C-alpha atoms as a PDB file:
ATOM      1  CA  UNK A   1     -21.628  15.340 -16.402  1.00  0.00           C
ATOM      2  CA  UNK A   2     -24.752  14.004 -18.077  1.00  0.00           C
ATOM      3  CA  UNK A   3     -27.478  12.809 -15.789  1.00  0.00           C
ATOM      4  CA  UNK A   4     -30.660  10.809 -16.067  1.00  0.00           C
ATOM      5  CA  UNK A   5     -33.662  13.156 -16.530  1.00  0.00           C
ATOM      6  CA  UNK A   6     -35.624  11.242 -13.901  1.00  0.00           C
ATOM      7  CA  UNK A   7     -33.017  12.043 -11.237  1.00  0.00           C
ATOM      8  CA  UNK A   8     -33.119  15.270  -9.256  1.00  0.00           C
ATOM      9  CA  UNK A   9     -29.631  15.693  -7.832  1.00  0.00           C
ATOM     10  CA  UNK A  10     -30.749  18.570  -5.655  1.00  0.00           C
ATOM     11  CA  UNK A  11     -33.262  16.450  -3.748  1.00  0.00           C
ATOM     12  CA  UNK A  12     -31.837  14.254  -1.010  1.00  0.00           C
ATOM     13  CA  UNK A  13     -33.082  10.689  -1.172  1.00  0.00           C
ATOM     14  CA  UNK A  14     -32.468   7.655   1.003  1.00  0.00           C
ATOM     15  CA  UNK A  15     -29.712   6.443  -1.298  1.00  0.00           C
ATOM     16  CA  UNK A  16     -28.315   9.720  -2.489  1.00  0.00           C
ATOM     17  CA  UNK A  17     -27.449  13.278  -1.485  1.00  0.00           C
ATOM     18  CA  UNK A  18     -26.213  16.119  -3.642  1.00  0.00           C
ATOM     19  CA  UNK A  19     -22.596  14.979  -3.496  1.00  0.00           C
ATOM     20  CA  UNK A  20     -22.526  11.313  -2.412  1.00  0.00           C
ATOM     21  CA  UNK A  21     -24.289   8.069  -3.211  1.00  0.00           C
ATOM     22  CA  UNK A  22     -25.067   5.167  -0.904  1.00  0.00           C
ATOM     23  CA  UNK A  23     -24.495   1.916  -2.761  1.00  0.00           C
ATOM     24  CA  UNK A  24     -23.801  -1.761  -2.225  1.00  0.00           C
ATOM     25  CA  UNK A  25     -21.195  -4.044  -3.752  1.00  0.00           C
ATOM     26  CA  UNK A  26     -23.351  -6.009  -6.181  1.00  0.00           C
ATOM     27  CA  UNK A  27     -20.538  -8.134  -7.562  1.00  0.00           C
ATOM     28  CA  UNK A  28     -16.906  -8.893  -6.744  1.00  0.00           C
ATOM     29  CA  UNK A  29     -14.627 -10.669  -9.203  1.00  0.00           C
ATOM     30  CA  UNK A  30     -11.047 -11.769  -8.672  1.00  0.00           C
ATOM     31  CA  UNK A  31      -9.284 -11.233 -11.993  1.00  0.00           C
ATOM     32  CA  UNK A  32      -5.753 -11.994 -10.771  1.00  0.00           C
ATOM     33  CA  UNK A  33      -4.094 -12.609  -7.423  1.00  0.00           C
ATOM     34  CA  UNK A  34      -3.679  -8.841  -7.072  1.00  0.00           C
ATOM     35  CA  UNK A  35      -6.693  -7.326  -8.858  1.00  0.00           C
ATOM     36  CA  UNK A  36     -10.366  -7.336  -7.901  1.00  0.00           C
ATOM     37  CA  UNK A  37     -13.176  -5.852  -9.989  1.00  0.00           C
ATOM     38  CA  UNK A  38     -16.165  -4.465  -8.107  1.00  0.00           C
ATOM     39  CA  UNK A  39     -19.621  -3.439  -9.247  1.00  0.00           C
ATOM     40  CA  UNK A  40     -21.436  -0.805  -7.175  1.00  0.00           C
ATOM     41  CA  UNK A  41     -25.213  -0.521  -7.515  1.00  0.00           C
ATOM     42  CA  UNK A  42     -28.259   0.941  -5.860  1.00  0.00           C
ATOM     43  CA  UNK A  43     -29.724  -1.471  -3.353  1.00  0.00           C
ATOM     44  CA  UNK A  44     -33.146  -1.148  -5.000  1.00  0.00           C
ATOM     45  CA  UNK A  45     -31.765  -1.892  -8.453  1.00  0.00           C
ATOM     46  CA  UNK A  46     -32.505   1.582  -9.800  1.00  0.00           C
ATOM     47  CA  UNK A  47     -30.389   3.560 -12.218  1.00  0.00           C
ATOM     48  CA  UNK A  48     -27.304   5.535 -11.231  1.00  0.00           C
ATOM     49  CA  UNK A  49     -26.381   8.981 -12.571  1.00  0.00           C
ATOM     50  CA  UNK A  50     -24.785   8.663 -15.989  1.00  0.00           C
ATOM     51  CA  UNK A  51     -21.038   9.094 -16.349  1.00  0.00           C
ATOM     52  CA  UNK A  52     -18.696  10.020 -19.163  1.00  0.00           C
ATOM     53  CA  UNK A  53     -15.768   7.909 -20.317  1.00  0.00           C
ATOM     54  CA  UNK A  54     -12.639   8.691 -18.287  1.00  0.00           C
ATOM     55  CA  UNK A  55     -14.559   9.584 -15.133  1.00  0.00           C
ATOM     56  CA  UNK A  56     -13.670   8.420 -11.626  1.00  0.00           C
ATOM     57  CA  UNK A  57     -15.413   8.172  -8.273  1.00  0.00           C
ATOM     58  CA  UNK A  58     -14.273   8.690  -4.696  1.00  0.00           C
ATOM     59  CA  UNK A  59     -14.738   5.524  -2.650  1.00  0.00           C
ATOM     60  CA  UNK A  60     -15.185   6.127   1.087  1.00  0.00           C
ATOM     61  CA  UNK A  61     -13.423   3.148   2.621  1.00  0.00           C
ATOM     62  CA  UNK A  62     -13.518   4.691   6.094  1.00  0.00           C
ATOM     63  CA  UNK A  63     -14.390   8.122   7.442  1.00  0.00           C
ATOM     64  CA  UNK A  64     -10.734   9.099   7.165  1.00  0.00           C
ATOM     65  CA  UNK A  65      -9.834   7.041   4.096  1.00  0.00           C
ATOM     66  CA  UNK A  66     -11.053   8.103   0.648  1.00  0.00           C
ATOM     67  CA  UNK A  67      -9.525   6.896  -2.588  1.00  0.00           C
ATOM     68  CA  UNK A  68     -10.243   7.541  -6.276  1.00  0.00           C
ATOM     69  CA  UNK A  69     -10.874   4.771  -8.795  1.00  0.00           C
ATOM     70  CA  UNK A  70     -11.540   5.126 -12.511  1.00  0.00           C
ATOM     71  CA  UNK A  71     -14.825   3.758 -13.819  1.00  0.00           C
ATOM     72  CA  UNK A  72     -14.127   0.900 -16.220  1.00  0.00           C
ATOM     73  CA  UNK A  73     -17.609  -0.055 -17.312  1.00  0.00           C
ATOM     74  CA  UNK A  74     -19.692   0.863 -20.338  1.00  0.00           C
ATOM     75  CA  UNK A  75     -20.991   4.449 -19.929  1.00  0.00           C
ATOM     76  CA  UNK A  76     -24.223   3.299 -21.572  1.00  0.00           C
ATOM     77  CA  UNK A  77     -24.897   0.993 -18.593  1.00  0.00           C
ATOM     78  CA  UNK A  78     -26.393   3.056 -15.747  1.00  0.00           C
ATOM     79  CA  UNK A  79     -27.190   0.043 -13.561  1.00  0.00           C
ATOM     80  CA  UNK A  80     -23.676  -0.195 -12.056  1.00  0.00           C
ATOM     81  CA  UNK A  81     -20.398   1.610 -11.535  1.00  0.00           C
ATOM     82  CA  UNK A  82     -17.470  -0.726 -12.128  1.00  0.00           C
ATOM     83  CA  UNK A  83     -13.914  -0.321 -10.811  1.00  0.00           C
ATOM     84  CA  UNK A  84     -10.751  -2.387 -10.836  1.00  0.00           C
ATOM     85  CA  UNK A  85      -8.497  -2.226  -7.776  1.00  0.00           C
ATOM     86  CA  UNK A  86      -4.901  -3.408  -7.627  1.00  0.00           C
ATOM     87  CA  UNK A  87      -3.637  -4.535  -4.244  1.00  0.00           C
ATOM     88  CA  UNK A  88      -0.511  -2.423  -4.032  1.00  0.00           C
ATOM     89  CA  UNK A  89       2.303  -3.608  -1.770  1.00  0.00           C
ATOM     90  CA  UNK A  90       3.240   0.065  -1.302  1.00  0.00           C
ATOM     91  CA  UNK A  91      -0.331   1.062  -0.491  1.00  0.00           C
ATOM     92  CA  UNK A  92      -0.957   3.794   2.046  1.00  0.00           C
ATOM     93  CA  UNK A  93      -3.992   1.814   3.179  1.00  0.00           C
ATOM     94  CA  UNK A  94      -6.541   2.314   0.420  1.00  0.00           C
ATOM     95  CA  UNK A  95      -6.094  -0.675  -1.855  1.00  0.00           C
ATOM     96  CA  UNK A  96      -5.564  -3.061   1.050  1.00  0.00           C
ATOM     97  CA  UNK A  97      -8.716  -1.779   2.786  1.00  0.00           C
ATOM     98  CA  UNK A  98     -10.700  -2.310  -0.419  1.00  0.00           C
ATOM     99  CA  UNK A  99      -9.417  -5.862  -0.864  1.00  0.00           C
ATOM    100  CA  UNK A 100     -10.114  -6.950   2.714  1.00  0.00           C
ATOM    101  CA  UNK A 101     -13.414  -5.160   3.370  1.00  0.00           C
ATOM    102  CA  UNK A 102     -15.416  -4.817   0.149  1.00  0.00           C
ATOM    103  CA  UNK A 103     -17.406  -7.980  -0.544  1.00  0.00           C
ATOM    104  CA  UNK A 104     -20.748  -8.627  -2.179  1.00  0.00           C
ATOM    105  CA  UNK A 105     -23.494  -7.026  -0.087  1.00  0.00           C
ATOM    106  CA  UNK A 106     -21.188  -4.490   1.591  1.00  0.00           C
ATOM    107  CA  UNK A 107     -22.798  -1.061   1.919  1.00  0.00           C
ATOM    108  CA  UNK A 108     -20.633   1.999   1.340  1.00  0.00           C
ATOM    109  CA  UNK A 109     -20.605   5.618   0.223  1.00  0.00           C
ATOM    110  CA  UNK A 110     -19.162   6.900  -3.031  1.00  0.00           C
ATOM    111  CA  UNK A 111     -19.081  10.266  -4.738  1.00  0.00           C
ATOM    112  CA  UNK A 112     -20.851  11.294  -7.881  1.00  0.00           C
ATOM    113  CA  UNK A 113     -18.660  10.643 -10.943  1.00  0.00           C
ATOM    114  CA  UNK A 114     -16.167  13.376 -11.815  1.00  0.00           C
ATOM    115  CA  UNK A 115     -14.176  13.611 -15.003  1.00  0.00           C
ATOM    116  CA  UNK A 116     -10.719  15.178 -15.216  1.00  0.00           C
ATOM    117  CA  UNK A 117      -9.747  12.859 -18.069  1.00  0.00           C
ATOM    118  CA  UNK A 118     -12.394  13.306 -20.776  1.00  0.00           C
ATOM    119  CA  UNK A 119     -12.315  12.258 -24.389  1.00  0.00           C
ATOM    120  CA  UNK A 120     -11.803  15.180 -26.760  1.00  0.00           C
ATOM    121  CA  UNK A 121     -14.807  15.544 -29.052  1.00  0.00           C
ATOM    122  CA  UNK A 122     -12.706  17.127 -31.798  1.00  0.00           C
ATOM    123  CA  UNK A 123     -10.439  14.070 -32.113  1.00  0.00           C
ATOM    124  CA  UNK A 124     -10.858  12.193 -35.381  1.00  0.00           C
ATOM    125  CA  UNK A 125      -8.660   9.337 -34.140  1.00  0.00           C
ATOM    126  CA  UNK A 126      -7.757   8.241 -30.626  1.00  0.00           C
ATOM    127  CA  UNK A 127      -4.857   6.163 -29.319  1.00  0.00           C
ATOM    128  CA  UNK A 128      -5.463   4.708 -25.851  1.00  0.00           C
ATOM    129  CA  UNK A 129      -2.492   3.306 -23.920  1.00  0.00           C
ATOM    130  CA  UNK A 130      -2.983   1.719 -20.503  1.00  0.00           C
ATOM    131  CA  UNK A 131      -0.160   0.352 -18.379  1.00  0.00           C
ATOM    132  CA  UNK A 132      -1.129  -2.234 -15.759  1.00  0.00           C
ATOM    133  CA  UNK A 133      -4.171  -1.170 -13.752  1.00  0.00           C
ATOM    134  CA  UNK A 134      -4.071   2.050 -15.777  1.00  0.00           C
ATOM    135  CA  UNK A 135      -6.139   0.142 -18.330  1.00  0.00           C
ATOM    136  CA  UNK A 136      -9.299   0.907 -16.321  1.00  0.00           C
ATOM    137  CA  UNK A 137     -10.250   4.350 -17.726  1.00  0.00           C
ATOM    138  CA  UNK A 138      -9.250   3.160 -21.206  1.00  0.00           C
ATOM    139  CA  UNK A 139     -11.947   0.488 -21.123  1.00  0.00           C
ATOM    140  CA  UNK A 140     -14.750   3.017 -20.615  1.00  0.00           C
ATOM    141  CA  UNK A 141     -13.201   5.161 -23.361  1.00  0.00           C
ATOM    142  CA  UNK A 142     -13.143   2.200 -25.731  1.00  0.00           C
ATOM    143  CA  UNK A 143     -16.825   1.498 -25.072  1.00  0.00           C
ATOM    144  CA  UNK A 144     -17.704   5.142 -25.754  1.00  0.00           C
ATOM    145  CA  UNK A 145     -15.592   5.449 -28.900  1.00  0.00           C
ATOM    146  CA  UNK A 146     -16.952   2.180 -30.292  1.00  0.00           C
ATOM    147  CA  UNK A 147     -20.538   3.307 -29.658  1.00  0.00           C
ATOM    148  CA  UNK A 148     -19.810   6.604 -31.411  1.00  0.00           C
ATOM    149  CA  UNK A 149     -18.158   4.729 -34.310  1.00  0.00           C
ATOM    150  CA  UNK A 150     -14.985   6.782 -33.846  1.00  0.00           C
ATOM    151  CA  UNK A 151     -11.622   5.336 -35.006  1.00  0.00           C
ATOM    152  CA  UNK A 152      -9.374   4.242 -32.138  1.00  0.00           C
ATOM    153  CA  UNK A 153      -6.885   1.677 -30.986  1.00  0.00           C
ATOM    154  CA  UNK A 154      -6.395   0.446 -27.440  1.00  0.00           C
ATOM    155  CA  UNK A 155      -2.970  -0.736 -26.303  1.00  0.00           C
ATOM    156  CA  UNK A 156      -2.814  -2.735 -23.070  1.00  0.00           C
ATOM    157  CA  UNK A 157       0.713  -3.026 -21.658  1.00  0.00           C
ATOM    158  CA  UNK A 158       1.888  -5.131 -18.746  1.00  0.00           C
ATOM    159  CA  UNK A 159       4.587  -7.457 -17.504  1.00  0.00           C
ATOM    160  CA  UNK A 160       2.721 -10.718 -18.066  1.00  0.00           C
ATOM    161  CA  UNK A 161      -0.661 -11.923 -19.265  1.00  0.00           C
ATOM    162  CA  UNK A 162      -1.168 -14.024 -16.117  1.00  0.00           C
ATOM    163  CA  UNK A 163      -0.950 -10.975 -13.833  1.00  0.00           C
ATOM    164  CA  UNK A 164      -3.089  -8.676 -15.988  1.00  0.00           C
ATOM    165  CA  UNK A 165      -6.801  -8.115 -15.405  1.00  0.00           C
ATOM    166  CA  UNK A 166      -9.613  -7.707 -17.969  1.00  0.00           C
ATOM    167  CA  UNK A 167      -7.951  -9.978 -20.571  1.00  0.00           C
ATOM    168  CA  UNK A 168     -11.025 -12.115 -21.262  1.00  0.00           C
ATOM    169  CA  UNK A 169     -13.352  -9.118 -21.278  1.00  0.00           C
ATOM    170  CA  UNK A 170     -11.241  -7.224 -23.805  1.00  0.00           C
ATOM    171  CA  UNK A 171     -10.760 -10.262 -26.057  1.00  0.00           C
ATOM    172  CA  UNK A 172     -14.529 -10.846 -26.156  1.00  0.00           C
ATOM    173  CA  UNK A 173     -15.652  -7.226 -26.290  1.00  0.00           C
ATOM    174  CA  UNK A 174     -17.550  -5.602 -29.142  1.00  0.00           C
ATOM    175  CA  UNK A 175     -14.386  -3.602 -29.887  1.00  0.00           C
ATOM    176  CA  UNK A 176     -11.946  -6.551 -29.688  1.00  0.00           C
ATOM    177  CA  UNK A 177     -10.559  -5.811 -33.157  1.00  0.00           C
ATOM    178  CA  UNK A 178      -9.321  -2.441 -31.822  1.00  0.00           C
ATOM    179  CA  UNK A 179      -7.440  -3.997 -28.898  1.00  0.00           C
ATOM    180  CA  UNK A 180      -3.709  -4.707 -28.971  1.00  0.00           C
ATOM    181  CA  UNK A 181      -1.843  -6.275 -26.049  1.00  0.00           C
ATOM    182  CA  UNK A 182       1.867  -6.061 -25.281  1.00  0.00           C
ATOM    183  CA  UNK A 183       3.293  -8.032 -22.380  1.00  0.00           C
ATOM    184  CA  UNK A 184       7.033  -7.788 -21.891  1.00  0.00           C
ATOM    185  CA  UNK A 185       7.253 -11.433 -20.812  1.00  0.00           C
ATOM    186  CA  UNK A 186       6.098 -12.372 -24.312  1.00  0.00           C
ATOM    187  CA  UNK A 187       8.444  -9.941 -26.093  1.00  0.00           C
ATOM    188  CA  UNK A 188      11.843 -10.697 -24.497  1.00  0.00           C
ATOM    189  CA  UNK A 189      11.364  -7.769 -22.089  1.00  0.00           C
ATOM    190  CA  UNK A 190      11.106  -5.356 -25.014  1.00  0.00           C
ATOM    191  CA  UNK A 191       8.958  -2.257 -24.553  1.00  0.00           C
ATOM    192  CA  UNK A 192       6.099  -1.289 -26.789  1.00  0.00           C
ATOM    193  CA  UNK A 193       7.253   0.196 -30.106  1.00  0.00           C
ATOM    194  CA  UNK A 194       5.859   3.686 -29.606  1.00  0.00           C
ATOM    195  CA  UNK A 195       7.520   5.068 -32.713  1.00  0.00           C
ATOM    196  CA  UNK A 196       5.573   2.618 -34.872  1.00  0.00           C
ATOM    197  CA  UNK A 197       2.324   3.478 -33.081  1.00  0.00           C
ATOM    198  CA  UNK A 198       2.712   7.254 -33.036  1.00  0.00           C
ATOM    199  CA  UNK A 199       4.447   7.930 -36.344  1.00  0.00           C
ATOM    200  CA  UNK A 200       1.124   8.131 -38.189  1.00  0.00           C
ATOM    201  CA  UNK A 201      -0.420  10.557 -35.688  1.00  0.00           C
ATOM    202  CA  UNK A 202      -1.606  13.801 -37.268  1.00  0.00           C
ATOM    203  CA  UNK A 203      -3.071  17.026 -35.887  1.00  0.00           C
ATOM    204  CA  UNK A 204      -6.447  15.337 -35.365  1.00  0.00           C
ATOM    205  CA  UNK A 205      -5.039  12.350 -33.436  1.00  0.00           C
ATOM    206  CA  UNK A 206      -5.266  12.423 -29.642  1.00  0.00           C
ATOM    207  CA  UNK A 207      -3.303  10.222 -27.247  1.00  0.00           C
ATOM    208  CA  UNK A 208      -4.574   9.101 -23.828  1.00  0.00           C
ATOM    209  CA  UNK A 209      -2.314   7.389 -21.302  1.00  0.00           C
ATOM    210  CA  UNK A 210      -2.719   6.069 -17.757  1.00  0.00           C
ATOM    211  CA  UNK A 211      -0.478   3.836 -15.678  1.00  0.00           C
ATOM    212  CA  UNK A 212       2.521   3.894 -13.333  1.00  0.00           C
ATOM    213  CA  UNK A 213       4.350   7.232 -13.297  1.00  0.00           C
ATOM    214  CA  UNK A 214       7.526   5.893 -14.961  1.00  0.00           C
ATOM    215  CA  UNK A 215       5.522   4.279 -17.751  1.00  0.00           C
ATOM    216  CA  UNK A 216       3.513   7.448 -18.313  1.00  0.00           C
ATOM    217  CA  UNK A 217       6.584   9.675 -18.380  1.00  0.00           C
ATOM    218  CA  UNK A 218       8.104   7.402 -21.046  1.00  0.00           C
ATOM    219  CA  UNK A 219       4.945   7.534 -23.201  1.00  0.00           C
ATOM    220  CA  UNK A 220       4.480  11.302 -22.787  1.00  0.00           C
ATOM    221  CA  UNK A 221       8.145  12.090 -23.513  1.00  0.00           C
ATOM    222  CA  UNK A 222       8.078   9.791 -26.537  1.00  0.00           C
ATOM    223  CA  UNK A 223       4.972  11.506 -27.903  1.00  0.00           C
ATOM    224  CA  UNK A 224       6.734  14.852 -27.632  1.00  0.00           C
ATOM    225  CA  UNK A 225       9.831  13.448 -29.351  1.00  0.00           C
ATOM    226  CA  UNK A 226       7.683  12.168 -32.212  1.00  0.00           C
ATOM    227  CA  UNK A 227       6.095  15.594 -32.659  1.00  0.00           C
ATOM    228  CA  UNK A 228       2.724  15.274 -30.946  1.00  0.00           C
ATOM    229  CA  UNK A 229       1.624  18.651 -29.501  1.00  0.00           C
ATOM    230  CA  UNK A 230       1.031  18.779 -25.746  1.00  0.00           C
ATOM    231  CA  UNK A 231      -2.616  19.692 -26.359  1.00  0.00           C
ATOM    232  CA  UNK A 232      -3.162  16.300 -28.015  1.00  0.00           C
ATOM    233  CA  UNK A 233      -1.637  14.268 -25.169  1.00  0.00           C
ATOM    234  CA  UNK A 234      -3.958  13.517 -22.245  1.00  0.00           C
ATOM    235  CA  UNK A 235      -2.885  11.805 -19.058  1.00  0.00           C
ATOM    236  CA  UNK A 236      -4.170  10.574 -15.733  1.00  0.00           C
ATOM    237  CA  UNK A 237      -1.799   9.586 -12.952  1.00  0.00           C
ATOM    238  CA  UNK A 238      -3.020   7.137 -10.326  1.00  0.00           C
ATOM    239  CA  UNK A 239       0.168   6.702  -8.343  1.00  0.00           C
ATOM    240  CA  UNK A 240       3.171   9.021  -8.158  1.00  0.00           C
ATOM    241  CA  UNK A 241       6.236   9.403  -5.996  1.00  0.00           C
ATOM    242  CA  UNK A 242       5.676  12.610  -4.056  1.00  0.00           C
ATOM    243  CA  UNK A 243       8.648  14.778  -3.195  1.00  0.00           C
ATOM    244  CA  UNK A 244       8.605  15.481   0.540  1.00  0.00           C
ATOM    245  CA  UNK A 245      10.262  17.928   2.887  1.00  0.00           C
ATOM    246  CA  UNK A 246      11.599  21.433   2.509  1.00  0.00           C
ATOM    247  CA  UNK A 247      12.082  24.686   4.358  1.00  0.00           C
ATOM    248  CA  UNK A 248       9.451  25.741   6.875  1.00  0.00           C
ATOM    249  CA  UNK A 249       7.038  28.527   5.907  1.00  0.00           C
ATOM    250  CA  UNK A 250       3.978  30.371   7.197  1.00  0.00           C
ATOM    251  CA  UNK A 251       0.438  29.818   5.932  1.00  0.00           C
ATOM    252  CA  UNK A 252      -2.434  32.198   6.624  1.00  0.00           C
ATOM    253  CA  UNK A 253      -5.891  30.643   6.274  1.00  0.00           C
ATOM    254  CA  UNK A 254      -7.739  33.877   5.572  1.00  0.00           C
ATOM    255  CA  UNK A 255     -11.335  32.618   5.796  1.00  0.00           C
ATOM    256  CA  UNK A 256     -10.625  30.757   9.036  1.00  0.00           C
ATOM    257  CA  UNK A 257      -8.553  33.536  10.594  1.00  0.00           C
ATOM    258  CA  UNK A 258      -5.807  31.096  11.500  1.00  0.00           C
ATOM    259  CA  UNK A 259      -2.059  31.270  10.868  1.00  0.00           C
ATOM    260  CA  UNK A 260       0.147  28.184  11.044  1.00  0.00           C
ATOM    261  CA  UNK A 261       3.786  27.336  10.571  1.00  0.00           C
ATOM    262  CA  UNK A 262       4.283  24.421   8.175  1.00  0.00           C
ATOM    263  CA  UNK A 263       7.195  22.294   9.328  1.00  0.00           C
ATOM    264  CA  UNK A 264      10.031  20.946   7.207  1.00  0.00           C
ATOM    265  CA  UNK A 265       8.443  17.492   6.961  1.00  0.00           C
ATOM    266  CA  UNK A 266       4.805  18.508   7.267  1.00  0.00           C
ATOM    267  CA  UNK A 267       2.174  19.097   4.591  1.00  0.00           C
ATOM    268  CA  UNK A 268       0.085  22.259   4.446  1.00  0.00           C
ATOM    269  CA  UNK A 269      -3.020  20.091   4.840  1.00  0.00           C
ATOM    270  CA  UNK A 270      -1.710  18.443   8.019  1.00  0.00           C
ATOM    271  CA  UNK A 271      -0.639  21.760   9.534  1.00  0.00           C
ATOM    272  CA  UNK A 272      -4.031  23.326   8.867  1.00  0.00           C
ATOM    273  CA  UNK A 273      -5.966  20.315  10.152  1.00  0.00           C
ATOM    274  CA  UNK A 274      -3.914  20.304  13.364  1.00  0.00           C
ATOM    275  CA  UNK A 275      -4.972  23.926  13.884  1.00  0.00           C
ATOM    276  CA  UNK A 276      -8.642  23.080  13.433  1.00  0.00           C
ATOM    277  CA  UNK A 277      -9.106  24.114   9.805  1.00  0.00           C
ATOM    278  CA  UNK A 278     -11.275  21.726   7.811  1.00  0.00           C
ATOM    279  CA  UNK A 279      -9.322  20.476   4.808  1.00  0.00           C
ATOM    280  CA  UNK A 280     -10.745  17.884   2.430  1.00  0.00           C
ATOM    281  CA  UNK A 281      -8.026  15.526   1.197  1.00  0.00           C
ATOM    282  CA  UNK A 282      -8.172  12.263  -0.670  1.00  0.00           C
ATOM    283  CA  UNK A 283      -5.257  10.951  -2.756  1.00  0.00           C
ATOM    284  CA  UNK A 284      -2.537  12.751  -0.718  1.00  0.00           C
ATOM    285  CA  UNK A 285      -0.319  12.587  -3.808  1.00  0.00           C
ATOM    286  CA  UNK A 286      -1.400  15.625  -5.803  1.00  0.00           C
ATOM    287  CA  UNK A 287      -3.282  13.606  -8.404  1.00  0.00           C
ATOM    288  CA  UNK A 288      -6.977  14.198  -7.719  1.00  0.00           C
ATOM    289  CA  UNK A 289      -7.473  17.911  -6.993  1.00  0.00           C
ATOM    290  CA  UNK A 290      -9.679  17.326  -3.930  1.00  0.00           C
ATOM    291  CA  UNK A 291      -7.564  19.626  -1.741  1.00  0.00           C
ATOM    292  CA  UNK A 292      -7.090  22.334  -4.381  1.00  0.00           C
ATOM    293  CA  UNK A 293      -7.176  25.813  -2.831  1.00  0.00           C
ATOM    294  CA  UNK A 294      -6.957  29.376  -4.162  1.00  0.00           C
ATOM    295  CA  UNK A 295      -3.796  31.350  -3.406  1.00  0.00           C
ATOM    296  CA  UNK A 296      -4.317  35.001  -2.401  1.00  0.00           C
ATOM    297  CA  UNK A 297      -0.704  35.913  -1.745  1.00  0.00           C
ATOM    298  CA  UNK A 298       2.690  34.207  -2.060  1.00  0.00           C
ATOM    299  CA  UNK A 299       4.333  31.836  -4.533  1.00  0.00           C
ATOM    300  CA  UNK A 300       3.533  28.103  -4.396  1.00  0.00           C
ATOM    301  CA  UNK A 301       6.074  25.385  -5.042  1.00  0.00           C
ATOM    302  CA  UNK A 302       3.979  23.014  -7.118  1.00  0.00           C
ATOM    303  CA  UNK A 303       4.651  19.314  -6.542  1.00  0.00           C
ATOM    304  CA  UNK A 304       1.403  17.924  -7.916  1.00  0.00           C
ATOM    305  CA  UNK A 305       0.519  16.336 -11.246  1.00  0.00           C
ATOM    306  CA  UNK A 306      -3.072  17.561 -11.163  1.00  0.00           C
ATOM    307  CA  UNK A 307      -2.575  21.140 -12.382  1.00  0.00           C
ATOM    308  CA  UNK A 308      -1.429  21.743 -15.940  1.00  0.00           C
ATOM    309  CA  UNK A 309       1.846  23.549 -16.558  1.00  0.00           C
ATOM    310  CA  UNK A 310      -0.108  26.642 -17.603  1.00  0.00           C
ATOM    311  CA  UNK A 311      -2.160  26.540 -14.391  1.00  0.00           C
ATOM    312  CA  UNK A 312       0.991  26.175 -12.319  1.00  0.00           C
ATOM    313  CA  UNK A 313       2.484  29.233 -13.988  1.00  0.00           C
ATOM    314  CA  UNK A 314      -0.552  31.265 -12.879  1.00  0.00           C
ATOM    315  CA  UNK A 315       0.346  30.485  -9.225  1.00  0.00           C
ATOM    316  CA  UNK A 316      -3.219  31.185  -8.107  1.00  0.00           C
ATOM    317  CA  UNK A 317      -4.004  27.634  -6.914  1.00  0.00           C
ATOM    318  CA  UNK A 318      -2.217  25.030  -4.825  1.00  0.00           C
ATOM    319  CA  UNK A 319      -2.730  21.407  -3.791  1.00  0.00           C
ATOM    320  CA  UNK A 320      -2.532  21.340  -0.008  1.00  0.00           C
ATOM    321  CA  UNK A 321      -1.585  17.675   0.316  1.00  0.00           C
ATOM    322  CA  UNK A 322       1.865  17.829  -1.281  1.00  0.00           C
ATOM    323  CA  UNK A 323       2.855  21.274  -2.586  1.00  0.00           C
ATOM    324  CA  UNK A 324       4.838  23.800  -0.586  1.00  0.00           C
ATOM    325  CA  UNK A 325       5.899  27.445  -0.801  1.00  0.00           C
ATOM    326  CA  UNK A 326       8.734  29.284  -2.510  1.00  0.00           C
ATOM    327  CA  UNK A 327       7.930  32.395  -0.475  1.00  0.00           C
ATOM    328  CA  UNK A 328       8.200  32.679   3.336  1.00  0.00           C
ATOM    329  CA  UNK A 329       4.427  33.230   3.553  1.00  0.00           C
ATOM    330  CA  UNK A 330       1.335  31.979   1.759  1.00  0.00           C
ATOM    331  CA  UNK A 331      -2.137  33.450   2.171  1.00  0.00           C
ATOM    332  CA  UNK A 332      -4.822  30.953   1.199  1.00  0.00           C
ATOM    333  CA  UNK A 333      -8.550  31.280   0.624  1.00  0.00           C
ATOM    334  CA  UNK A 334      -9.630  28.711   3.170  1.00  0.00           C
END
């Protein structure tokens, strides 16, 4: 991650430590009935550490409630971090907490920006596809690509214009000519014509997609059908249906010297925490990598979407929030 040369991330300041920032909500906008857009800033108006397009931050809503949100502002603007938050009726508490508690002037803690969804510098052309609130990381990417004068197109997909955020911003942006919108309510419930969009993709074209899991699976599978190599398809899940349950197994936390039995309907993280082992979790869906842990012995049953297929085949890491074990015993480096 790039950082401002005037900032020393190793020196703790009143607003910042090495891993977290203390900020305030400088602005809150209601874009639709279900989406708010928040701007986080330093209370003294100073600059924030720079971030790269595609990055996200952890927002500490409570001591025991941390959620990740993609940054959707212009990476060139270091005065604020901007996020869009959908109030999800199936929320596990995060989006609802944000909607009811984060107002202008609210003080809170966030993480430094992290980027698991970067733009590929070697791409000569980029296709950005955002479904619903998955448009958020695509906006920062569009700003960055436009500033770099790199060819791209941004497709914003949703059910209806009235329930979609960022419409006015995108229509009036400096890159508006690169933006295409497809709302099924305006197209007789017809999906986006991916074949038309992807048929001209060559070896130097990279595809980026974010949105609901079903939407993303459709885009990713279509890209493969149309011949795009996996290395040119980049994805970020923000909400997935996690498979739960399975046979009980033993976990040895080698560093902690503790052995636990993980129950049929219990996560490794919960079993370890109940035994007094400190486990850092966030998304609880296998999307963010916060709880990633090294495997010393045993064979994980990977249920996350964070690790790549190649990384899963190595079987030397596991996400503690959702993955399980194919072997009766796992030895972990925790």
